[in-house]
Amino acid sequence: MTRLLVLGGFLCLLIVVLIHVAEHYQLFPGMGWGLPNSPGHYLDLFSALGGIVLMLAAFILLMRRGP
């Protein structure tokens, strides 16, 4: 279970990196990169939040399991 949470968190954070690359190179201009209330903004936000939540959940599970 912990490995799946870490993998999911890693994939979410990888999406954040790919979004920033797409924003820098102006790929998919319809996403409205850099604009508030645009699909690109919310995709970036929810991917970052998802990655953080999944990584924290994995960390908490590891700490509860103990050595």
N, C-alpha and C. Protein backbone atom coordinates (compact mmCIF):
# COMPACT_ATOMS: atom_id res chain seq x y z
N MET A 1 0.82 -1.19 0.00
CA MET A 1 0.00 0.00 0.00
C MET A 1 0.87 1.26 0.00
N THR A 2 1.91 1.24 0.82
CA THR A 2 2.79 2.40 0.92
C THR A 2 3.47 2.69 -0.41
N ARG A 3 3.89 1.65 -1.08
CA ARG A 3 4.57 1.83 -2.38
C ARG A 3 3.63 2.45 -3.40
N LEU A 4 2.36 2.08 -3.37
CA LEU A 4 1.40 2.66 -4.30
C LEU A 4 1.18 4.15 -4.01
N LEU A 5 1.15 4.51 -2.74
CA LEU A 5 1.01 5.92 -2.37
C LEU A 5 2.22 6.73 -2.83
N VAL A 6 3.41 6.17 -2.63
CA VAL A 6 4.62 6.86 -3.07
C VAL A 6 4.63 6.99 -4.59
N LEU A 7 4.26 5.94 -5.29
CA LEU A 7 4.22 5.98 -6.75
C LEU A 7 3.21 7.01 -7.23
N GLY A 8 2.04 7.04 -6.63
CA GLY A 8 1.03 8.02 -7.00
C GLY A 8 1.49 9.44 -6.73
N GLY A 9 2.13 9.65 -5.59
CA GLY A 9 2.68 10.97 -5.26
C GLY A 9 3.76 11.39 -6.23
N PHE A 10 4.62 10.45 -6.58
CA PHE A 10 5.68 10.75 -7.54
C PHE A 10 5.10 11.12 -8.90
N LEU A 11 4.09 10.38 -9.33
CA LEU A 11 3.48 10.68 -10.63
C LEU A 11 2.80 12.05 -10.62
N CYS A 12 2.14 12.40 -9.54
CA CYS A 12 1.53 13.73 -9.44
C CYS A 12 2.58 14.83 -9.51
N LEU A 13 3.69 14.64 -8.81
CA LEU A 13 4.74 15.65 -8.83
C LEU A 13 5.45 15.69 -10.18
N LEU A 14 5.53 14.56 -10.86
CA LEU A 14 6.08 14.54 -12.22
C LEU A 14 5.18 15.33 -13.17
N ILE A 15 3.88 15.23 -12.98
CA ILE A 15 2.93 16.01 -13.79
C ILE A 15 3.17 17.50 -13.56
N VAL A 16 3.44 17.90 -12.32
CA VAL A 16 3.72 19.30 -12.04
C VAL A 16 4.94 19.77 -12.82
N VAL A 17 5.98 18.96 -12.85
CA VAL A 17 7.19 19.31 -13.59
C VAL A 17 6.88 19.43 -15.08
N LEU A 18 6.15 18.47 -15.62
CA LEU A 18 5.81 18.50 -17.04
C LEU A 18 4.92 19.70 -17.38
N ILE A 19 4.04 20.08 -16.47
CA ILE A 19 3.21 21.26 -16.67
C ILE A 19 4.07 22.51 -16.76
N HIS A 20 5.08 22.60 -15.90
CA HIS A 20 5.94 23.78 -15.92
C HIS A 20 6.78 23.83 -17.19
N VAL A 21 7.19 22.67 -17.69
CA VAL A 21 7.91 22.63 -18.97
C VAL A 21 6.98 23.08 -20.09
N ALA A 22 5.76 22.59 -20.10
CA ALA A 22 4.79 22.99 -21.13
C ALA A 22 4.49 24.48 -21.03
N GLU A 23 4.44 25.00 -19.83
CA GLU A 23 4.19 26.44 -19.65
C GLU A 23 5.35 27.26 -20.19
N HIS A 24 6.58 26.81 -19.92
CA HIS A 24 7.76 27.55 -20.37
C HIS A 24 7.84 27.60 -21.90
N TYR A 25 7.56 26.48 -22.54
CA TYR A 25 7.65 26.41 -24.00
C TYR A 25 6.33 26.76 -24.71
N GLN A 26 5.34 27.21 -23.94
CA GLN A 26 4.04 27.61 -24.49
C GLN A 26 3.38 26.50 -25.31
N LEU A 27 3.49 25.27 -24.82
CA LEU A 27 2.80 24.15 -25.44
C LEU A 27 1.34 24.18 -24.99
N PHE A 28 0.44 23.78 -25.79
CA PHE A 28 -0.98 23.77 -25.48
C PHE A 28 -1.47 25.14 -25.00
N PRO A 29 -1.44 26.15 -25.85
CA PRO A 29 -1.82 27.51 -25.41
C PRO A 29 -3.26 27.62 -24.92
N GLY A 30 -4.11 26.70 -25.31
CA GLY A 30 -5.49 26.74 -24.85
C GLY A 30 -5.65 26.48 -23.36
N MET A 31 -4.60 26.00 -22.72
CA MET A 31 -4.65 25.74 -21.27
C MET A 31 -4.53 27.02 -20.46
N GLY A 32 -4.14 28.12 -21.09
CA GLY A 32 -4.04 29.40 -20.38
C GLY A 32 -2.95 29.40 -19.33
N TRP A 33 -1.78 28.91 -19.69
CA TRP A 33 -0.68 28.82 -18.73
C TRP A 33 -0.40 30.17 -18.09
N GLY A 34 -0.27 30.18 -16.79
CA GLY A 34 0.09 31.37 -16.05
C GLY A 34 -1.08 32.29 -15.73
N LEU A 35 -2.25 32.00 -16.21
CA LEU A 35 -3.41 32.84 -15.94
C LEU A 35 -4.22 32.28 -14.78
N PRO A 36 -4.69 33.14 -13.89
CA PRO A 36 -5.54 32.63 -12.80
C PRO A 36 -6.87 32.11 -13.37
N ASN A 37 -7.43 31.15 -12.71
CA ASN A 37 -8.71 30.54 -13.09
C ASN A 37 -8.69 29.89 -14.47
N SER A 38 -7.53 29.43 -14.92
CA SER A 38 -7.43 28.73 -16.19
C SER A 38 -7.29 27.23 -15.93
N PRO A 39 -7.59 26.40 -16.91
CA PRO A 39 -7.43 24.95 -16.71
C PRO A 39 -6.00 24.57 -16.35
N GLY A 40 -5.02 25.23 -16.95
CA GLY A 40 -3.63 24.92 -16.64
C GLY A 40 -3.28 25.22 -15.19
N HIS A 41 -3.82 26.30 -14.68
CA HIS A 41 -3.58 26.68 -13.29
C HIS A 41 -4.13 25.62 -12.34
N TYR A 42 -5.35 25.19 -12.59
CA TYR A 42 -5.97 24.20 -11.70
C TYR A 42 -5.35 22.82 -11.85
N LEU A 43 -4.93 22.45 -13.04
CA LEU A 43 -4.24 21.18 -13.23
C LEU A 43 -2.94 21.17 -12.42
N ASP A 44 -2.20 22.26 -12.48
CA ASP A 44 -0.97 22.39 -11.72
C ASP A 44 -1.24 22.34 -10.22
N LEU A 45 -2.23 23.10 -9.79
CA LEU A 45 -2.57 23.16 -8.36
C LEU A 45 -2.98 21.80 -7.81
N PHE A 46 -3.91 21.13 -8.48
CA PHE A 46 -4.41 19.86 -7.97
C PHE A 46 -3.36 18.74 -8.07
N SER A 47 -2.50 18.81 -9.07
CA SER A 47 -1.42 17.82 -9.16
C SER A 47 -0.43 18.00 -8.01
N ALA A 48 -0.09 19.25 -7.71
CA ALA A 48 0.83 19.51 -6.60
C ALA A 48 0.22 19.09 -5.27
N LEU A 49 -1.04 19.45 -5.05
CA LEU A 49 -1.70 19.06 -3.80
C LEU A 49 -1.83 17.54 -3.69
N GLY A 50 -2.18 16.89 -4.78
CA GLY A 50 -2.29 15.43 -4.78
C GLY A 50 -0.97 14.77 -4.46
N GLY A 51 0.11 15.26 -5.06
CA GLY A 51 1.43 14.70 -4.78
C GLY A 51 1.83 14.86 -3.33
N ILE A 52 1.58 16.02 -2.77
CA ILE A 52 1.93 16.27 -1.37
C ILE A 52 1.10 15.38 -0.44
N VAL A 53 -0.18 15.29 -0.69
CA VAL A 53 -1.06 14.47 0.16
C VAL A 53 -0.67 13.00 0.09
N LEU A 54 -0.43 12.49 -1.10
CA LEU A 54 -0.07 11.08 -1.22
C LEU A 54 1.28 10.77 -0.58
N MET A 55 2.25 11.67 -0.74
CA MET A 55 3.55 11.45 -0.11
C MET A 55 3.44 11.51 1.41
N LEU A 56 2.65 12.45 1.93
CA LEU A 56 2.46 12.52 3.39
C LEU A 56 1.75 11.28 3.91
N ALA A 57 0.76 10.78 3.18
CA ALA A 57 0.06 9.57 3.60
C ALA A 57 1.02 8.38 3.64
N ALA A 58 1.88 8.28 2.66
CA ALA A 58 2.87 7.18 2.65
C ALA A 58 3.82 7.32 3.83
N PHE A 59 4.26 8.54 4.11
CA PHE A 59 5.16 8.77 5.25
C PHE A 59 4.49 8.40 6.57
N ILE A 60 3.24 8.79 6.73
CA ILE A 60 2.53 8.47 7.96
C ILE A 60 2.36 6.96 8.13
N LEU A 61 2.03 6.27 7.03
CA LEU A 61 1.92 4.81 7.11
C LEU A 61 3.25 4.15 7.47
N LEU A 62 4.33 4.68 6.94
CA LEU A 62 5.64 4.13 7.28
C LEU A 62 5.98 4.36 8.76
N MET A 63 5.64 5.51 9.28
CA MET A 63 5.93 5.83 10.68
C MET A 63 5.06 4.99 11.64
N ARG A 64 3.82 4.71 11.24
CA ARG A 64 2.95 3.91 12.10
C ARG A 64 3.38 2.46 12.13
N ARG A 65 3.95 1.98 11.02
CA ARG A 65 4.37 0.58 10.94
C ARG A 65 5.55 0.32 11.84
N GLY A 66 6.46 1.30 11.95
CA GLY A 66 7.62 1.16 12.81
C GLY A 66 8.71 0.31 12.17
N PRO A 67 9.76 0.01 12.95
CA PRO A 67 10.92 -0.74 12.41
C PRO A 67 10.66 -2.18 12.19
